[in-house]
Protein backbone atom coordinates (compact mmCIF):
# COMPACT_ATOMS: atom_id res chain seq x y z
CA MET A 1 0.87 -20.79 -1.37
CA THR A 2 -1.43 -21.77 1.51
CA THR A 3 -5.20 -20.91 0.80
CA LEU A 4 -8.70 -21.33 2.91
CA LEU A 5 -8.94 -25.07 2.61
CA GLN A 6 -5.38 -26.56 4.15
CA ARG A 7 -5.37 -26.01 8.05
CA SER A 8 -1.57 -26.52 9.59
CA PRO A 9 -1.69 -28.68 12.78
CA ARG A 10 -2.51 -26.81 16.49
CA LYS A 11 0.29 -25.39 17.31
CA PRO A 12 1.89 -25.93 21.06
CA LYS A 13 2.12 -23.01 22.70
CA GLY A 14 5.06 -20.09 21.64
CA GLY A 15 6.31 -16.88 21.78
CA GLY A 16 3.99 -14.06 21.44
CA GLY A 17 5.88 -11.84 19.06
CA GLU A 18 6.57 -15.07 17.10
CA ARG A 19 2.97 -15.51 17.22
CA ARG A 20 1.83 -12.44 15.71
CA GLU A 21 3.52 -12.09 13.00
CA GLU A 22 2.00 -15.79 11.84
CA ILE A 23 -0.66 -14.33 12.15
CA LEU A 24 0.12 -11.83 9.99
CA ALA A 25 1.27 -13.57 7.49
CA ALA A 26 -1.85 -15.26 7.63
CA ALA A 27 -4.77 -12.83 7.31
CA LEU A 28 -2.35 -11.08 4.28
CA ARG A 29 -2.13 -13.22 1.71
CA LEU A 30 -6.24 -14.64 2.68
CA PHE A 31 -7.75 -11.38 2.27
CA GLY A 32 -5.18 -10.71 -0.81
CA GLN A 33 -6.94 -13.75 -2.09
CA PHE A 34 -10.71 -13.82 -1.46
CA GLY A 35 -10.75 -10.02 0.29
CA LEU A 36 -11.26 -8.95 3.83
CA HIS A 37 -15.12 -9.71 4.06
CA GLY A 38 -14.49 -13.07 2.09
CA VAL A 39 -11.92 -14.06 5.73
CA SER A 40 -12.33 -14.79 9.31
CA THR A 41 -10.77 -15.10 12.17
CA ARG A 42 -11.42 -18.08 13.07
CA GLN A 43 -9.79 -19.34 9.08
CA ILE A 44 -6.87 -16.77 10.35
CA ALA A 45 -6.74 -19.12 13.15
CA GLN A 46 -7.27 -22.12 10.64
CA VAL A 47 -4.35 -21.38 8.70
CA VAL A 48 -1.63 -20.14 11.49
CA GLY A 49 -2.74 -23.87 13.80
CA ILE A 50 -4.55 -21.46 17.03
CA SER A 51 -7.45 -21.12 18.18
CA GLN A 52 -10.09 -17.98 17.65
CA PRO A 53 -9.57 -17.43 20.95
CA THR A 54 -5.82 -17.34 21.18
CA LEU A 55 -6.19 -15.26 18.02
CA TYR A 56 -8.06 -12.98 20.35
CA ALA A 57 -6.04 -12.75 22.44
CA TYR A 58 -2.99 -11.01 20.01
CA PHE A 59 -6.07 -9.16 17.73
CA PRO A 60 -9.50 -7.79 19.24
CA SER A 61 -11.29 -8.78 16.10
CA LYS A 62 -10.39 -8.90 12.12
CA ASP A 63 -10.57 -4.81 11.53
CA ASP A 64 -7.72 -5.13 14.07
CA ILE A 65 -4.69 -7.19 12.10
CA ALA A 66 -6.29 -5.13 8.66
CA ALA A 67 -5.54 -1.83 10.23
CA GLU A 68 -1.94 -3.62 12.22
CA LEU A 69 -1.06 -4.38 7.84
CA HIS A 70 -2.54 -1.87 6.14
CA ASP A 71 0.38 0.54 8.01
CA ARG A 72 3.62 -1.59 7.31
CA ALA A 73 2.27 -1.02 4.35
CA PHE A 74 3.29 2.50 4.23
CA ARG A 75 5.83 1.93 6.37
CA GLU A 76 7.56 0.32 3.97
CA LEU A 77 7.10 2.14 1.11
CA GLU A 78 7.81 5.39 3.35
CA ALA A 79 10.64 3.54 4.23
CA ARG A 80 10.95 3.15 -0.06
CA TYR A 81 11.41 5.85 -0.29
CA ALA A 82 14.34 7.59 2.81
CA GLY A 83 16.61 6.42 -0.02
CA LEU A 84 15.96 9.54 -2.40
CA GLN A 85 18.06 12.09 -3.31
CA PRO A 86 16.65 15.76 -3.50
CA PRO A 87 16.80 17.47 -5.76
CA VAL A 88 14.49 15.44 -8.07
CA ARG A 89 13.54 18.42 -10.52
CA ASP A 90 13.63 17.58 -13.67
CA VAL A 91 11.30 13.98 -15.44
CA ASP A 92 13.55 11.09 -15.48
CA ALA A 93 14.47 12.11 -11.61
CA ILE A 94 10.73 12.00 -11.08
CA ALA A 95 9.85 9.52 -12.70
CA GLY A 96 12.07 7.59 -10.52
CA ALA A 97 10.51 9.32 -7.20
CA LEU A 98 7.64 7.64 -9.10
CA ARG A 99 8.38 4.76 -9.78
CA ILE A 100 9.56 3.23 -6.09
CA TYR A 101 5.65 3.97 -5.85
CA VAL A 102 4.54 1.00 -8.05
CA ASP A 103 7.39 -1.47 -8.30
CA PHE A 104 7.04 -1.36 -4.38
CA GLY A 105 2.98 -2.38 -5.38
CA LEU A 106 3.87 -3.86 -7.66
CA GLU A 107 6.69 -6.38 -5.99
CA ASN A 108 3.76 -6.94 -2.62
CA PRO A 109 0.23 -7.06 -4.24
CA ASP A 110 -1.11 -8.90 -1.35
CA ALA A 111 0.01 -5.57 1.36
CA TYR A 112 -0.75 -3.20 -1.83
CA ARG A 113 -4.43 -4.38 -1.47
CA VAL A 114 -4.90 -3.73 2.37
CA ALA A 115 -3.16 -0.49 1.94
CA PHE A 116 -4.49 0.67 -0.85
CA MET A 117 -7.74 -1.25 -2.20
CA LEU A 118 -9.60 -1.91 0.94
CA GLU A 119 -12.73 -0.50 1.54
CA GLY A 120 -13.67 1.35 5.22
CA PRO A 121 -11.48 2.39 8.10
CA LEU A 122 -10.00 -0.62 9.26
CA GLY A 123 -11.40 -0.95 12.66
CA ARG A 124 -10.10 2.53 12.66
CA GLN A 125 -13.01 5.17 13.08
CA PRO A 126 -11.83 9.08 12.44
CA PRO A 127 -12.60 11.83 14.84
CA PRO A 128 -15.07 13.98 13.20
CA CYS A 129 -13.58 16.39 10.11
CA GLU A 130 -10.52 14.97 10.40
CA PRO A 131 -9.12 12.78 6.69
CA ASP A 132 -9.57 9.31 6.84
CA LEU A 133 -5.46 8.39 7.36
CA SER A 134 -3.13 6.92 9.31
CA LYS A 135 -0.41 8.16 10.70
CA PRO A 136 1.98 5.92 8.53
CA GLY A 137 -0.23 6.34 5.25
CA LYS A 138 0.13 10.99 5.39
CA ARG A 139 4.12 10.34 6.18
CA ALA A 140 3.56 8.50 2.73
CA PHE A 141 1.46 10.49 0.50
CA ASP A 142 3.84 13.20 2.01
CA ILE A 143 6.79 13.15 0.72
CA MET A 144 4.79 13.47 -2.76
CA ARG A 145 3.49 16.46 -0.32
CA GLY A 146 6.81 17.55 -0.40
CA LEU A 147 8.60 16.56 -4.34
CA VAL A 148 5.31 18.46 -6.29
CA ALA A 149 5.94 21.64 -3.00
CA ASP A 150 10.16 21.62 -3.83
CA LEU A 151 8.82 22.15 -8.06
CA HIS A 152 6.31 24.92 -6.89
CA ALA A 153 8.17 27.03 -4.58
CA THR A 154 10.99 26.42 -8.01
CA GLY A 155 8.70 27.35 -10.66
CA SER A 156 8.75 24.23 -11.61
CA SER A 157 5.33 22.85 -10.70
CA ARG A 158 2.20 22.54 -14.31
CA THR A 159 0.09 24.46 -11.58
CA ASP A 160 -0.82 26.47 -9.10
CA ASP A 161 -2.22 24.32 -6.50
CA PRO A 162 0.29 21.87 -5.26
CA GLU A 163 -1.78 19.71 -3.37
CA ARG A 164 -4.13 19.03 -6.61
CA LEU A 165 -1.10 17.88 -8.21
CA ALA A 166 0.51 15.28 -5.07
CA GLN A 167 -3.14 13.24 -5.88
CA SER A 168 -3.23 13.91 -9.40
CA LEU A 169 -0.20 11.94 -9.57
CA TRP A 170 -1.57 9.51 -6.56
CA ALA A 171 -4.08 9.56 -8.48
CA GLY A 172 -2.21 8.20 -11.53
CA MET A 173 0.24 5.34 -10.00
CA HIS A 174 -2.19 4.28 -7.86
CA GLY A 175 -4.70 3.58 -10.89
CA LEU A 176 -2.17 2.10 -12.85
CA VAL A 177 -0.91 -0.57 -10.00
CA SER A 178 -4.26 -2.02 -8.71
CA LEU A 179 -5.54 -2.01 -12.67
CA LEU A 180 -2.22 -4.53 -12.39
CA ILE A 181 -3.42 -6.24 -9.87
CA ALA A 182 -6.97 -6.26 -9.98
CA ARG A 183 -6.68 -7.40 -13.76
CA PRO A 184 -3.26 -9.90 -14.39
CA GLY A 185 -4.83 -11.57 -17.39
CA PHE A 186 -6.04 -8.59 -19.82
CA PRO A 187 -3.93 -8.02 -22.79
CA TRP A 188 -0.94 -5.31 -20.93
CA VAL A 189 2.35 -4.84 -22.67
CA ASP A 190 5.34 -5.74 -21.62
CA ARG A 191 4.67 -4.56 -17.88
CA ASP A 192 7.63 -3.05 -17.53
CA ALA A 193 8.22 -0.72 -20.36
CA LEU A 194 4.16 0.09 -19.74
CA VAL A 195 5.30 1.40 -16.16
CA SER A 196 8.05 3.42 -17.75
CA ALA A 197 6.22 4.74 -20.14
CA HIS A 198 3.66 5.79 -17.06
CA VAL A 199 5.61 6.87 -14.22
CA ARG A 200 7.26 9.39 -17.40
CA MET A 201 3.56 10.91 -18.87
CA LEU A 202 2.50 11.05 -15.11
CA ALA A 203 6.02 12.99 -14.71
CA GLU A 204 6.58 15.14 -17.86
CA ALA A 205 2.92 16.61 -17.15
CA ALA A 206 3.79 17.96 -13.81
CA LEU A 207 7.00 20.74 -15.36
CA THR A 208 6.57 23.15 -17.32
CA ALA A 209 6.83 23.76 -20.48
CA ARG A 210 10.29 23.62 -21.02
């Protein structure tokens, strides 16, 4: 794994698209290792093998890099949900839908950190009275809203407040994923068994008693 101590050889000028992807890939690794505030644009440029002014030709700031990585992570999560087949109304189907989120986070820990575990607006300053949520992030969460709204419409939801339930499910999944990523040394039980039990517990809590 590339660290701040490993500098790539200085690269000649190349294609803009390829160089941009190299910057994003290096930043993602470094943010995952050291956090957003522990990495500078100079260090990202060193790992890529370019000068800091060259990096600025692609991204005006570190926050702009983080914002792009943030949006990409949510777009990937949204894409994974695209294959979900409705209706999602029984425990197994709901648990499967929740598992999509958890698997995404655990398979892409660096992207998950940028999307869900970094504080601040990531280069964006939302207008007053508007939520601090990017468009890709909103679309991803809207999928959860839609699943819960369908449960509510069919009388299958345990709560009379579908928005609260959607947020509660989202928080329940995030809690597990963030702990598994941030505390890998904790003596967890078998991870797959833990994930399966957790998403099923959330699914059962979402439904009315049958």
